[in-house]
PDB file of N, CA and C in Angstrom:
ATOM      1  N   MET A   1    -229.499-100.639  51.178  1.00  0.00           N
ATOM      2  CA  MET A   1    -229.225-101.960  51.738  1.00  0.00           C
ATOM      3  C   MET A   1    -230.302-102.887  51.734  1.00  0.00           C
ATOM      4  N   SER A   2    -229.939-104.139  51.484  1.00  0.00           N
ATOM      5  CA  SER A   2    -231.022-105.224  51.437  1.00  0.00           C
ATOM      6  C   SER A   2    -231.376-105.656  52.841  1.00  0.00           C
ATOM      7  N   THR A   3    -232.477-106.204  53.032  1.00  0.00           N
ATOM      8  CA  THR A   3    -232.962-106.695  54.323  1.00  0.00           C
ATOM      9  C   THR A   3    -232.171-107.869  54.743  1.00  0.00           C
ATOM     10  N   ILE A   4    -231.750-107.886  56.006  1.00  0.00           N
ATOM     11  CA  ILE A   4    -231.054-108.960  56.580  1.00  0.00           C
ATOM     12  C   ILE A   4    -231.994-109.837  57.354  1.00  0.00           C
ATOM     13  N   THR A   5    -231.736-111.131  57.115  1.00  0.00           N
ATOM     14  CA  THR A   5    -232.565-112.154  57.800  1.00  0.00           C
ATOM     15  C   THR A   5    -231.486-112.911  58.792  1.00  0.00           C
ATOM     16  N   LEU A   6    -231.968-113.020  60.054  1.00  0.00           N
ATOM     17  CA  LEU A   6    -231.064-113.650  60.905  1.00  0.00           C
ATOM     18  C   LEU A   6    -231.592-114.991  61.376  1.00  0.00           C
ATOM     19  N   TYR A   7    -231.034-116.180  61.062  1.00  0.00           N
ATOM     20  CA  TYR A   7    -231.402-117.429  61.588  1.00  0.00           C
ATOM     21  C   TYR A   7    -230.881-117.336  63.008  1.00  0.00           C
ATOM     22  N   HIS A   8    -231.885-117.315  63.970  1.00  0.00           N
ATOM     23  CA  HIS A   8    -231.572-116.905  65.335  1.00  0.00           C
ATOM     24  C   HIS A   8    -232.243-118.014  66.380  1.00  0.00           C
ATOM     25  N   ASN A   9    -231.341-118.174  67.352  1.00  0.00           N
ATOM     26  CA  ASN A   9    -231.768-119.030  68.469  1.00  0.00           C
ATOM     27  C   ASN A   9    -231.516-118.099  69.687  1.00  0.00           C
ATOM     28  N   PRO A  10    -232.559-117.581  70.318  1.00  0.00           N
ATOM     29  CA  PRO A  10    -232.346-116.662  71.460  1.00  0.00           C
ATOM     30  C   PRO A  10    -231.605-117.283  72.748  1.00  0.00           C
ATOM     31  N   ARG A  11    -231.565-118.658  72.685  1.00  0.00           N
ATOM     32  CA  ARG A  11    -230.862-119.217  73.844  1.00  0.00           C
ATOM     33  C   ARG A  11    -229.324-119.290  73.678  1.00  0.00           C
ATOM     34  N   CYS A  12    -228.977-118.983  72.409  1.00  0.00           N
ATOM     35  CA  CYS A  12    -227.509-119.024  72.069  1.00  0.00           C
ATOM     36  C   CYS A  12    -226.823-117.592  72.159  1.00  0.00           C
ATOM     37  N   SER A  13    -225.738-117.665  72.978  1.00  0.00           N
ATOM     38  CA  SER A  13    -225.046-116.352  73.247  1.00  0.00           C
ATOM     39  C   SER A  13    -224.518-115.753  71.945  1.00  0.00           C
ATOM     40  N   LYS A  14    -224.011-116.483  71.091  1.00  0.00           N
ATOM     41  CA  LYS A  14    -223.368-115.970  69.819  1.00  0.00           C
ATOM     42  C   LYS A  14    -224.476-115.484  69.022  1.00  0.00           C
ATOM     43  N   SER A  15    -225.689-116.146  68.961  1.00  0.00           N
ATOM     44  CA  SER A  15    -226.869-115.511  68.210  1.00  0.00           C
ATOM     45  C   SER A  15    -227.338-114.279  68.740  1.00  0.00           C
ATOM     46  N   ARG A  16    -227.373-114.187  70.124  1.00  0.00           N
ATOM     47  CA  ARG A  16    -227.735-112.857  70.754  1.00  0.00           C
ATOM     48  C   ARG A  16    -226.703-111.747  70.470  1.00  0.00           C
ATOM     49  N   GLN A  17    -225.523-112.191  70.551  1.00  0.00           N
ATOM     50  CA  GLN A  17    -224.422-111.188  70.246  1.00  0.00           C
ATOM     51  C   GLN A  17    -224.542-110.568  68.867  1.00  0.00           C
ATOM     52  N   ALA A  18    -224.795-111.491  67.903  1.00  0.00           N
ATOM     53  CA  ALA A  18    -224.807-111.139  66.523  1.00  0.00           C
ATOM     54  C   ALA A  18    -226.032-110.109  66.331  1.00  0.00           C
ATOM     55  N   LEU A  19    -227.149-110.439  66.876  1.00  0.00           N
ATOM     56  CA  LEU A  19    -228.377-109.626  66.803  1.00  0.00           C
ATOM     57  C   LEU A  19    -228.157-108.200  67.404  1.00  0.00           C
ATOM     58  N   GLN A  20    -227.398-108.185  68.519  1.00  0.00           N
ATOM     59  CA  GLN A  20    -226.968-106.932  69.191  1.00  0.00           C
ATOM     60  C   GLN A  20    -226.115-106.069  68.269  1.00  0.00           C
ATOM     61  N   LEU A  21    -225.146-106.687  67.602  1.00  0.00           N
ATOM     62  CA  LEU A  21    -224.179-105.982  66.784  1.00  0.00           C
ATOM     63  C   LEU A  21    -224.886-105.327  65.705  1.00  0.00           C
ATOM     64  N   LEU A  22    -225.871-106.239  65.100  1.00  0.00           N
ATOM     65  CA  LEU A  22    -226.608-105.599  63.890  1.00  0.00           C
ATOM     66  C   LEU A  22    -227.485-104.439  64.511  1.00  0.00           C
ATOM     67  N   GLN A  23    -228.091-104.560  65.630  1.00  0.00           N
ATOM     68  CA  GLN A  23    -228.964-103.531  66.043  1.00  0.00           C
ATOM     69  C   GLN A  23    -228.144-102.274  66.377  1.00  0.00           C
ATOM     70  N   GLU A  24    -226.925-102.482  66.840  1.00  0.00           N
ATOM     71  CA  GLU A  24    -226.030-101.311  67.130  1.00  0.00           C
ATOM     72  C   GLU A  24    -225.633-100.535  65.833  1.00  0.00           C
ATOM     73  N   LYS A  25    -225.702-101.220  64.887  1.00  0.00           N
ATOM     74  CA  LYS A  25    -225.461-100.615  63.551  1.00  0.00           C
ATOM     75  C   LYS A  25    -226.647-100.033  62.860  1.00  0.00           C
ATOM     76  N   GLY A  26    -227.798-100.058  63.658  1.00  0.00           N
ATOM     77  CA  GLY A  26    -229.038 -99.534  63.042  1.00  0.00           C
ATOM     78  C   GLY A  26    -229.854-100.502  62.263  1.00  0.00           C
ATOM     79  N   VAL A  27    -229.433-101.676  62.215  1.00  0.00           N
ATOM     80  CA  VAL A  27    -230.085-102.771  61.365  1.00  0.00           C
ATOM     81  C   VAL A  27    -230.992-103.492  62.337  1.00  0.00           C
ATOM     82  N   GLU A  28    -232.389-103.572  61.842  1.00  0.00           N
ATOM     83  CA  GLU A  28    -233.243-104.376  62.598  1.00  0.00           C
ATOM     84  C   GLU A  28    -233.575-105.630  61.615  1.00  0.00           C
ATOM     85  N   PRO A  29    -232.821-106.667  61.913  1.00  0.00           N
ATOM     86  CA  PRO A  29    -233.030-107.897  60.929  1.00  0.00           C
ATOM     87  C   PRO A  29    -234.399-108.610  61.065  1.00  0.00           C
ATOM     88  N   GLN A  30    -234.786-109.266  60.042  1.00  0.00           N
ATOM     89  CA  GLN A  30    -235.843-110.067  60.149  1.00  0.00           C
ATOM     90  C   GLN A  30    -235.439-111.345  60.951  1.00  0.00           C
ATOM     91  N   ILE A  31    -236.040-111.737  61.974  1.00  0.00           N
ATOM     92  CA  ILE A  31    -235.605-112.860  62.757  1.00  0.00           C
ATOM     93  C   ILE A  31    -236.399-114.089  62.390  1.00  0.00           C
ATOM     94  N   ARG A  32    -235.600-115.106  61.998  1.00  0.00           N
ATOM     95  CA  ARG A  32    -236.185-116.409  61.707  1.00  0.00           C
ATOM     96  C   ARG A  32    -235.708-117.307  62.947  1.00  0.00           C
ATOM     97  N   LEU A  33    -236.650-117.824  63.717  1.00  0.00           N
ATOM     98  CA  LEU A  33    -236.449-118.742  64.712  1.00  0.00           C
ATOM     99  C   LEU A  33    -236.335-120.064  64.101  1.00  0.00           C
ATOM    100  N   TYR A  34    -235.239-120.389  63.678  1.00  0.00           N
ATOM    101  CA  TYR A  34    -235.192-121.659  62.721  1.00  0.00           C
ATOM    102  C   TYR A  34    -235.368-122.902  63.432  1.00  0.00           C
ATOM    103  N   LEU A  35    -235.291-123.021  64.841  1.00  0.00           N
ATOM    104  CA  LEU A  35    -235.705-124.201  65.458  1.00  0.00           C
ATOM    105  C   LEU A  35    -237.350-124.432  65.381  1.00  0.00           C
ATOM    106  N   GLU A  36    -238.047-123.272  65.335  1.00  0.00           N
ATOM    107  CA  GLU A  36    -239.445-123.382  65.298  1.00  0.00           C
ATOM    108  C   GLU A  36    -239.970-123.535  63.854  1.00  0.00           C
ATOM    109  N   ASP A  37    -239.260-122.643  62.982  1.00  0.00           N
ATOM    110  CA  ASP A  37    -239.538-122.449  61.498  1.00  0.00           C
ATOM    111  C   ASP A  37    -238.317-122.862  60.709  1.00  0.00           C
ATOM    112  N   SER A  38    -238.152-124.233  60.756  1.00  0.00           N
ATOM    113  CA  SER A  38    -236.981-124.868  60.166  1.00  0.00           C
ATOM    114  C   SER A  38    -236.874-124.670  58.651  1.00  0.00           C
ATOM    115  N   PRO A  39    -235.788-124.563  58.188  1.00  0.00           N
ATOM    116  CA  PRO A  39    -235.718-124.348  56.637  1.00  0.00           C
ATOM    117  C   PRO A  39    -235.930-125.685  55.939  1.00  0.00           C
ATOM    118  N   SER A  40    -236.423-125.542  54.744  1.00  0.00           N
ATOM    119  CA  SER A  40    -236.666-126.737  53.926  1.00  0.00           C
ATOM    120  C   SER A  40    -235.410-127.159  53.253  1.00  0.00           C
ATOM    121  N   ARG A  41    -235.427-128.281  52.674  1.00  0.00           N
ATOM    122  CA  ARG A  41    -234.253-128.813  51.848  1.00  0.00           C
ATOM    123  C   ARG A  41    -233.749-127.872  50.860  1.00  0.00           C
ATOM    124  N   GLU A  42    -234.699-127.247  50.117  1.00  0.00           N
ATOM    125  CA  GLU A  42    -234.396-126.325  49.049  1.00  0.00           C
ATOM    126  C   GLU A  42    -233.754-124.986  49.707  1.00  0.00           C
ATOM    127  N   GLU A  43    -234.278-124.589  50.806  1.00  0.00           N
ATOM    128  CA  GLU A  43    -233.733-123.398  51.454  1.00  0.00           C
ATOM    129  C   GLU A  43    -232.317-123.643  51.951  1.00  0.00           C
ATOM    130  N   LEU A  44    -232.113-124.844  52.453  1.00  0.00           N
ATOM    131  CA  LEU A  44    -230.755-125.152  52.837  1.00  0.00           C
ATOM    132  C   LEU A  44    -229.714-125.300  51.758  1.00  0.00           C
ATOM    133  N   VAL A  45    -230.171-125.839  50.671  1.00  0.00           N
ATOM    134  CA  VAL A  45    -229.287-125.846  49.417  1.00  0.00           C
ATOM    135  C   VAL A  45    -228.921-124.567  49.016  1.00  0.00           C
ATOM    136  N   THR A  46    -229.758-123.626  48.844  1.00  0.00           N
ATOM    137  CA  THR A  46    -229.625-122.217  48.494  1.00  0.00           C
ATOM    138  C   THR A  46    -228.707-121.609  49.509  1.00  0.00           C
ATOM    139  N   LEU A  47    -229.046-121.787  50.786  1.00  0.00           N
ATOM    140  CA  LEU A  47    -228.228-121.198  51.881  1.00  0.00           C
ATOM    141  C   LEU A  47    -226.758-121.622  51.824  1.00  0.00           C
ATOM    142  N   LEU A  48    -226.489-122.900  51.669  1.00  0.00           N
ATOM    143  CA  LEU A  48    -225.151-123.476  51.454  1.00  0.00           C
ATOM    144  C   LEU A  48    -224.438-122.758  50.295  1.00  0.00           C
ATOM    145  N   GLY A  49    -225.176-122.557  49.136  1.00  0.00           N
ATOM    146  CA  GLY A  49    -224.562-121.806  48.041  1.00  0.00           C
ATOM    147  C   GLY A  49    -224.218-120.406  48.332  1.00  0.00           C
ATOM    148  N   GLN A  50    -225.164-119.752  49.174  1.00  0.00           N
ATOM    149  CA  GLN A  50    -224.828-118.349  49.538  1.00  0.00           C
ATOM    150  C   GLN A  50    -223.616-118.274  50.536  1.00  0.00           C
ATOM    151  N   LEU A  51    -223.511-119.176  51.243  1.00  0.00           N
ATOM    152  CA  LEU A  51    -222.250-119.420  52.271  1.00  0.00           C
ATOM    153  C   LEU A  51    -221.124-119.783  51.518  1.00  0.00           C
ATOM    154  N   GLY A  52    -221.238-120.535  50.529  1.00  0.00           N
ATOM    155  CA  GLY A  52    -220.088-121.012  49.780  1.00  0.00           C
ATOM    156  C   GLY A  52    -219.386-122.177  50.473  1.00  0.00           C
ATOM    157  N   ILE A  53    -220.212-122.950  51.244  1.00  0.00           N
ATOM    158  CA  ILE A  53    -219.590-124.140  51.991  1.00  0.00           C
ATOM    159  C   ILE A  53    -220.323-125.380  51.705  1.00  0.00           C
ATOM    160  N   GLU A  54    -219.657-126.485  51.997  1.00  0.00           N
ATOM    161  CA  GLU A  54    -220.277-127.730  52.010  1.00  0.00           C
ATOM    162  C   GLU A  54    -221.204-128.049  53.193  1.00  0.00           C
ATOM    163  N   PRO A  55    -222.127-128.962  53.022  1.00  0.00           N
ATOM    164  CA  PRO A  55    -223.089-129.282  54.194  1.00  0.00           C
ATOM    165  C   PRO A  55    -222.181-129.609  55.492  1.00  0.00           C
ATOM    166  N   ARG A  56    -221.259-130.402  55.408  1.00  0.00           N
ATOM    167  CA  ARG A  56    -220.620-130.822  56.550  1.00  0.00           C
ATOM    168  C   ARG A  56    -220.100-129.592  57.420  1.00  0.00           C
ATOM    169  N   ALA A  57    -219.773-128.520  56.813  1.00  0.00           N
ATOM    170  CA  ALA A  57    -219.175-127.318  57.421  1.00  0.00           C
ATOM    171  C   ALA A  57    -220.274-126.605  58.174  1.00  0.00           C
ATOM    172  N   LEU A  58    -221.566-126.964  57.947  1.00  0.00           N
ATOM    173  CA  LEU A  58    -222.601-126.140  58.438  1.00  0.00           C
ATOM    174  C   LEU A  58    -223.167-126.984  59.682  1.00  0.00           C
ATOM    175  N   LEU A  59    -222.664-128.266  60.059  1.00  0.00           N
ATOM    176  CA  LEU A  59    -223.149-129.129  61.019  1.00  0.00           C
ATOM    177  C   LEU A  59    -222.584-128.686  62.436  1.00  0.00           C
ATOM    178  N   ARG A  60    -223.386-128.664  63.435  1.00  0.00           N
ATOM    179  CA  ARG A  60    -222.965-128.597  64.847  1.00  0.00           C
ATOM    180  C   ARG A  60    -222.579-129.963  65.250  1.00  0.00           C
ATOM    181  N   LYS A  61    -221.306-130.176  65.456  1.00  0.00           N
ATOM    182  CA  LYS A  61    -220.780-131.591  65.719  1.00  0.00           C
ATOM    183  C   LYS A  61    -221.025-131.920  67.247  1.00  0.00           C
ATOM    184  N   GLY A  62    -221.343-130.984  68.106  1.00  0.00           N
ATOM    185  CA  GLY A  62    -221.474-131.268  69.478  1.00  0.00           C
ATOM    186  C   GLY A  62    -222.853-131.597  69.885  1.00  0.00           C
ATOM    187  N   GLU A  63    -223.861-131.615  68.996  1.00  0.00           N
ATOM    188  CA  GLU A  63    -225.242-131.844  69.271  1.00  0.00           C
ATOM    189  C   GLU A  63    -225.382-133.480  69.397  1.00  0.00           C
ATOM    190  N   GLN A  64    -226.357-133.840  70.176  1.00  0.00           N
ATOM    191  CA  GLN A  64    -226.669-135.262  70.388  1.00  0.00           C
ATOM    192  C   GLN A  64    -227.098-135.980  69.173  1.00  0.00           C
ATOM    193  N   GLU A  65    -227.907-135.193  68.262  1.00  0.00           N
ATOM    194  CA  GLU A  65    -228.373-135.610  67.063  1.00  0.00           C
ATOM    195  C   GLU A  65    -227.140-136.098  66.050  1.00  0.00           C
ATOM    196  N   TYR A  66    -226.202-135.283  66.185  1.00  0.00           N
ATOM    197  CA  TYR A  66    -224.915-135.618  65.350  1.00  0.00           C
ATOM    198  C   TYR A  66    -224.372-136.988  65.842  1.00  0.00           C
ATOM    199  N   LYS A  67    -224.263-137.212  66.999  1.00  0.00           N
ATOM    200  CA  LYS A  67    -223.744-138.489  67.615  1.00  0.00           C
ATOM    201  C   LYS A  67    -224.649-139.664  67.242  1.00  0.00           C
ATOM    202  N   ASP A  68    -225.968-139.457  67.688  1.00  0.00           N
ATOM    203  CA  ASP A  68    -227.027-140.479  67.464  1.00  0.00           C
ATOM    204  C   ASP A  68    -227.134-140.970  66.057  1.00  0.00           C
ATOM    205  N   ASN A  69    -226.922-139.987  65.108  1.00  0.00           N
ATOM    206  CA  ASN A  69    -227.155-140.379  63.660  1.00  0.00           C
ATOM    207  C   ASN A  69    -225.838-140.640  62.980  1.00  0.00           C
ATOM    208  N   ASN A  70    -224.655-140.788  63.786  1.00  0.00           N
ATOM    209  CA  ASN A  70    -223.396-141.039  63.125  1.00  0.00           C
ATOM    210  C   ASN A  70    -223.019-140.308  61.974  1.00  0.00           C
ATOM    211  N   LEU A  71    -223.198-138.890  62.060  1.00  0.00           N
ATOM    212  CA  LEU A  71    -223.026-137.932  61.042  1.00  0.00           C
ATOM    213  C   LEU A  71    -221.508-137.674  60.878  1.00  0.00           C
ATOM    214  N   LYS A  72    -220.627-138.153  61.753  1.00  0.00           N
ATOM    215  CA  LYS A  72    -219.221-138.122  61.456  1.00  0.00           C
ATOM    216  C   LYS A  72    -218.775-139.119  60.434  1.00  0.00           C
ATOM    217  N   ASP A  73    -219.606-139.941  60.090  1.00  0.00           N
ATOM    218  CA  ASP A  73    -219.245-140.926  58.957  1.00  0.00           C
ATOM    219  C   ASP A  73    -219.048-140.170  57.688  1.00  0.00           C
ATOM    220  N   THR A  74    -217.739-140.198  57.214  1.00  0.00           N
ATOM    221  CA  THR A  74    -217.285-139.516  56.051  1.00  0.00           C
ATOM    222  C   THR A  74    -217.802-140.163  54.818  1.00  0.00           C
ATOM    223  N   GLU A  75    -218.479-141.397  54.857  1.00  0.00           N
ATOM    224  CA  GLU A  75    -219.147-141.896  53.632  1.00  0.00           C
ATOM    225  C   GLU A  75    -220.562-141.290  53.424  1.00  0.00           C
ATOM    226  N   LEU A  76    -220.968-140.569  54.294  1.00  0.00           N
ATOM    227  CA  LEU A  76    -222.309-139.956  54.196  1.00  0.00           C
ATOM    228  C   LEU A  76    -222.247-138.888  53.081  1.00  0.00           C
ATOM    229  N   ASN A  77    -223.195-138.752  52.141  1.00  0.00           N
ATOM    230  CA  ASN A  77    -223.053-137.749  51.080  1.00  0.00           C
ATOM    231  C   ASN A  77    -223.776-136.485  51.486  1.00  0.00           C
ATOM    232  N   ASP A  78    -223.632-135.518  50.677  1.00  0.00           N
ATOM    233  CA  ASP A  78    -224.184-134.143  50.983  1.00  0.00           C
ATOM    234  C   ASP A  78    -225.690-134.331  51.240  1.00  0.00           C
ATOM    235  N   ASP A  79    -226.387-135.139  50.380  1.00  0.00           N
ATOM    236  CA  ASP A  79    -227.823-135.193  50.599  1.00  0.00           C
ATOM    237  C   ASP A  79    -228.200-135.809  51.870  1.00  0.00           C
ATOM    238  N   ALA A  80    -227.545-136.778  52.477  1.00  0.00           N
ATOM    239  CA  ALA A  80    -227.759-137.329  53.625  1.00  0.00           C
ATOM    240  C   ALA A  80    -227.537-136.238  54.812  1.00  0.00           C
ATOM    241  N   LEU A  81    -226.537-135.497  54.671  1.00  0.00           N
ATOM    242  CA  LEU A  81    -226.205-134.371  55.711  1.00  0.00           C
ATOM    243  C   LEU A  81    -227.333-133.340  55.640  1.00  0.00           C
ATOM    244  N   ILE A  82    -227.786-132.969  54.405  1.00  0.00           N
ATOM    245  CA  ILE A  82    -228.840-131.859  54.418  1.00  0.00           C
ATOM    246  C   ILE A  82    -230.045-132.483  54.948  1.00  0.00           C
ATOM    247  N   ASP A  83    -230.410-133.816  54.603  1.00  0.00           N
ATOM    248  CA  ASP A  83    -231.658-134.342  55.187  1.00  0.00           C
ATOM    249  C   ASP A  83    -231.647-134.350  56.681  1.00  0.00           C
ATOM    250  N   ALA A  84    -230.422-134.585  57.257  1.00  0.00           N
ATOM    251  CA  ALA A  84    -230.236-134.604  58.756  1.00  0.00           C
ATOM    252  C   ALA A  84    -230.544-133.173  59.281  1.00  0.00           C
ATOM    253  N   MET A  85    -230.130-132.196  58.599  1.00  0.00           N
ATOM    254  CA  MET A  85    -230.336-130.812  59.038  1.00  0.00           C
ATOM    255  C   MET A  85    -231.849-130.381  58.950  1.00  0.00           C
ATOM    256  N   VAL A  86    -232.459-130.843  57.822  1.00  0.00           N
ATOM    257  CA  VAL A  86    -233.896-130.638  57.708  1.00  0.00           C
ATOM    258  C   VAL A  86    -234.641-131.371  58.949  1.00  0.00           C
ATOM    259  N   GLN A  87    -234.373-132.569  59.135  1.00  0.00           N
ATOM    260  CA  GLN A  87    -235.014-133.313  60.255  1.00  0.00           C
ATOM    261  C   GLN A  87    -234.641-132.882  61.663  1.00  0.00           C
ATOM    262  N   PHE A  88    -233.434-132.427  61.841  1.00  0.00           N
ATOM    263  CA  PHE A  88    -232.989-131.897  63.181  1.00  0.00           C
ATOM    264  C   PHE A  88    -232.309-130.548  63.002  1.00  0.00           C
ATOM    265  N   PRO A  89    -233.091-129.472  63.029  1.00  0.00           N
ATOM    266  CA  PRO A  89    -232.511-128.205  62.746  1.00  0.00           C
ATOM    267  C   PRO A  89    -231.514-127.653  63.794  1.00  0.00           C
ATOM    268  N   ARG A  90    -231.531-128.314  64.966  1.00  0.00           N
ATOM    269  CA  ARG A  90    -230.472-128.043  65.936  1.00  0.00           C
ATOM    270  C   ARG A  90    -229.109-128.280  65.406  1.00  0.00           C
ATOM    271  N   LEU A  91    -228.935-129.132  64.315  1.00  0.00           N
ATOM    272  CA  LEU A  91    -227.611-129.469  63.740  1.00  0.00           C
ATOM    273  C   LEU A  91    -227.159-128.233  63.012  1.00  0.00           C
ATOM    274  N   ILE A  92    -227.996-127.173  62.625  1.00  0.00           N
ATOM    275  CA  ILE A  92    -227.525-126.130  61.814  1.00  0.00           C
ATOM    276  C   ILE A  92    -226.723-125.144  62.684  1.00  0.00           C
ATOM    277  N   GLU A  93    -225.515-124.794  62.163  1.00  0.00           N
ATOM    278  CA  GLU A  93    -224.666-123.872  62.855  1.00  0.00           C
ATOM    279  C   GLU A  93    -225.444-122.490  63.028  1.00  0.00           C
ATOM    280  N   ARG A  94    -225.262-121.694  63.971  1.00  0.00           N
ATOM    281  CA  ARG A  94    -225.863-120.469  64.094  1.00  0.00           C
ATOM    282  C   ARG A  94    -224.971-119.401  64.793  1.00  0.00           C
ATOM    283  N   PRO A  95    -225.283-118.260  64.663  1.00  0.00           N
ATOM    284  CA  PRO A  95    -226.332-117.608  63.900  1.00  0.00           C
ATOM    285  C   PRO A  95    -225.880-117.607  62.434  1.00  0.00           C
ATOM    286  N   ILE A  96    -226.873-117.431  61.509  1.00  0.00           N
ATOM    287  CA  ILE A  96    -226.611-117.173  60.145  1.00  0.00           C
ATOM    288  C   ILE A  96    -227.373-115.867  59.712  1.00  0.00           C
ATOM    289  N   ALA A  97    -226.587-115.063  58.961  1.00  0.00           N
ATOM    290  CA  ALA A  97    -227.232-113.791  58.603  1.00  0.00           C
ATOM    291  C   ALA A  97    -227.150-113.894  57.015  1.00  0.00           C
ATOM    292  N   ILE A  98    -228.291-113.502  56.417  1.00  0.00           N
ATOM    293  CA  ILE A  98    -228.516-113.566  55.054  1.00  0.00           C
ATOM    294  C   ILE A  98    -229.040-112.138  54.473  1.00  0.00           C
ATOM    295  N   ALA A  99    -228.289-111.695  53.485  1.00  0.00           N
ATOM    296  CA  ALA A  99    -228.724-110.483  52.755  1.00  0.00           C
ATOM    297  C   ALA A  99    -228.517-110.707  51.249  1.00  0.00           C
ATOM    298  N   ALA A 100    -229.758-110.574  50.575  1.00  0.00           N
ATOM    299  CA  ALA A 100    -229.754-110.809  49.101  1.00  0.00           C
ATOM    300  C   ALA A 100    -229.156-112.181  48.837  1.00  0.00           C
ATOM    301  N   ASP A 101    -228.034-112.288  47.992  1.00  0.00           N
ATOM    302  CA  ASP A 101    -227.518-113.490  47.647  1.00  0.00           C
ATOM    303  C   ASP A 101    -226.162-113.793  48.372  1.00  0.00           C
ATOM    304  N   LYS A 102    -225.965-113.207  49.535  1.00  0.00           N
ATOM    305  CA  LYS A 102    -224.865-113.495  50.430  1.00  0.00           C
ATOM    306  C   LYS A 102    -225.278-113.859  51.812  1.00  0.00           C
ATOM    307  N   ALA A 103    -224.555-114.738  52.375  1.00  0.00           N
ATOM    308  CA  ALA A 103    -224.811-115.190  53.639  1.00  0.00           C
ATOM    309  C   ALA A 103    -223.523-115.367  54.545  1.00  0.00           C
ATOM    310  N   VAL A 104    -223.516-115.237  55.823  1.00  0.00           N
ATOM    311  CA  VAL A 104    -222.472-115.481  56.638  1.00  0.00           C
ATOM    312  C   VAL A 104    -222.857-116.158  58.019  1.00  0.00           C
ATOM    313  N   VAL A 105    -221.901-117.046  58.381  1.00  0.00           N
ATOM    314  CA  VAL A 105    -222.217-117.620  59.768  1.00  0.00           C
ATOM    315  C   VAL A 105    -221.560-116.731  60.764  1.00  0.00           C
ATOM    316  N   GLY A 106    -222.329-116.450  61.842  1.00  0.00           N
ATOM    317  CA  GLY A 106    -221.933-115.417  62.693  1.00  0.00           C
ATOM    318  C   GLY A 106    -220.971-116.151  63.870  1.00  0.00           C
ATOM    319  N   ARG A 107    -219.920-116.732  63.434  1.00  0.00           N
ATOM    320  CA  ARG A 107    -218.964-117.320  64.389  1.00  0.00           C
ATOM    321  C   ARG A 107    -217.644-116.890  63.764  1.00  0.00           C
ATOM    322  N   PRO A 108    -217.106-115.820  64.372  1.00  0.00           N
ATOM    323  CA  PRO A 108    -217.489-115.036  65.535  1.00  0.00           C
ATOM    324  C   PRO A 108    -218.602-114.133  65.011  1.00  0.00           C
ATOM    325  N   PRO A 109    -219.375-113.674  66.109  1.00  0.00           N
ATOM    326  CA  PRO A 109    -220.640-112.760  65.805  1.00  0.00           C
ATOM    327  C   PRO A 109    -220.296-111.596  64.898  1.00  0.00           C
ATOM    328  N   GLU A 110    -219.013-111.123  64.985  1.00  0.00           N
ATOM    329  CA  GLU A 110    -218.756-109.870  64.107  1.00  0.00           C
ATOM    330  C   GLU A 110    -218.754-110.215  62.605  1.00  0.00           C
ATOM    331  N   ASN A 111    -218.870-111.396  62.258  1.00  0.00           N
ATOM    332  CA  ASN A 111    -218.999-111.890  60.808  1.00  0.00           C
ATOM    333  C   ASN A 111    -220.264-111.140  60.248  1.00  0.00           C
ATOM    334  N   VAL A 112    -221.307-111.045  61.027  1.00  0.00           N
ATOM    335  CA  VAL A 112    -222.630-110.521  60.520  1.00  0.00           C
ATOM    336  C   VAL A 112    -222.429-109.160  60.000  1.00  0.00           C
ATOM    337  N   LEU A 113    -221.415-108.383  60.466  1.00  0.00           N
ATOM    338  CA  LEU A 113    -221.223-107.066  60.027  1.00  0.00           C
ATOM    339  C   LEU A 113    -220.732-106.873  58.634  1.00  0.00           C
ATOM    340  N   ASP A 114    -220.195-107.990  58.119  1.00  0.00           N
ATOM    341  CA  ASP A 114    -219.873-107.977  56.609  1.00  0.00           C
ATOM    342  C   ASP A 114    -221.087-107.770  55.747  1.00  0.00           C
ATOM    343  N   LEU A 115    -222.227-107.929  56.253  1.00  0.00           N
ATOM    344  CA  LEU A 115    -223.443-107.693  55.278  1.00  0.00           C
ATOM    345  C   LEU A 115    -223.949-106.367  55.634  1.00  0.00           C
ATOM    346  N   VAL A 116    -223.489-105.600  56.550  1.00  0.00           N
ATOM    347  CA  VAL A 116    -224.061-104.243  56.733  1.00  0.00           C
ATOM    348  C   VAL A 116    -223.459-103.137  55.979  1.00  0.00           C
TER     349      VAL A 116
END
């Protein structure tokens, strides 16, 4: 089994639940506190490819930065959305588990078990 990396926010209940589920399966993931160690543009592009989703699908729409930067504007292209996530990592949906070339968003948290 490949190593699992978990983009984790310990203040988020879904993120804590995903971590607990992995640990219950005997998996101790590498934790990336992405709010402190935010992903680069290149990492986000790779991550979106692993997830198989568009940038807009990874945005947390309830965050103040989403509203302040008018990210609901459908005229914004993918590059602008990725730039916003690089600048404001709180906009990135969480948790995200990554193993090799596959990734899942842990919403619901049980999704992370797809990588075990």
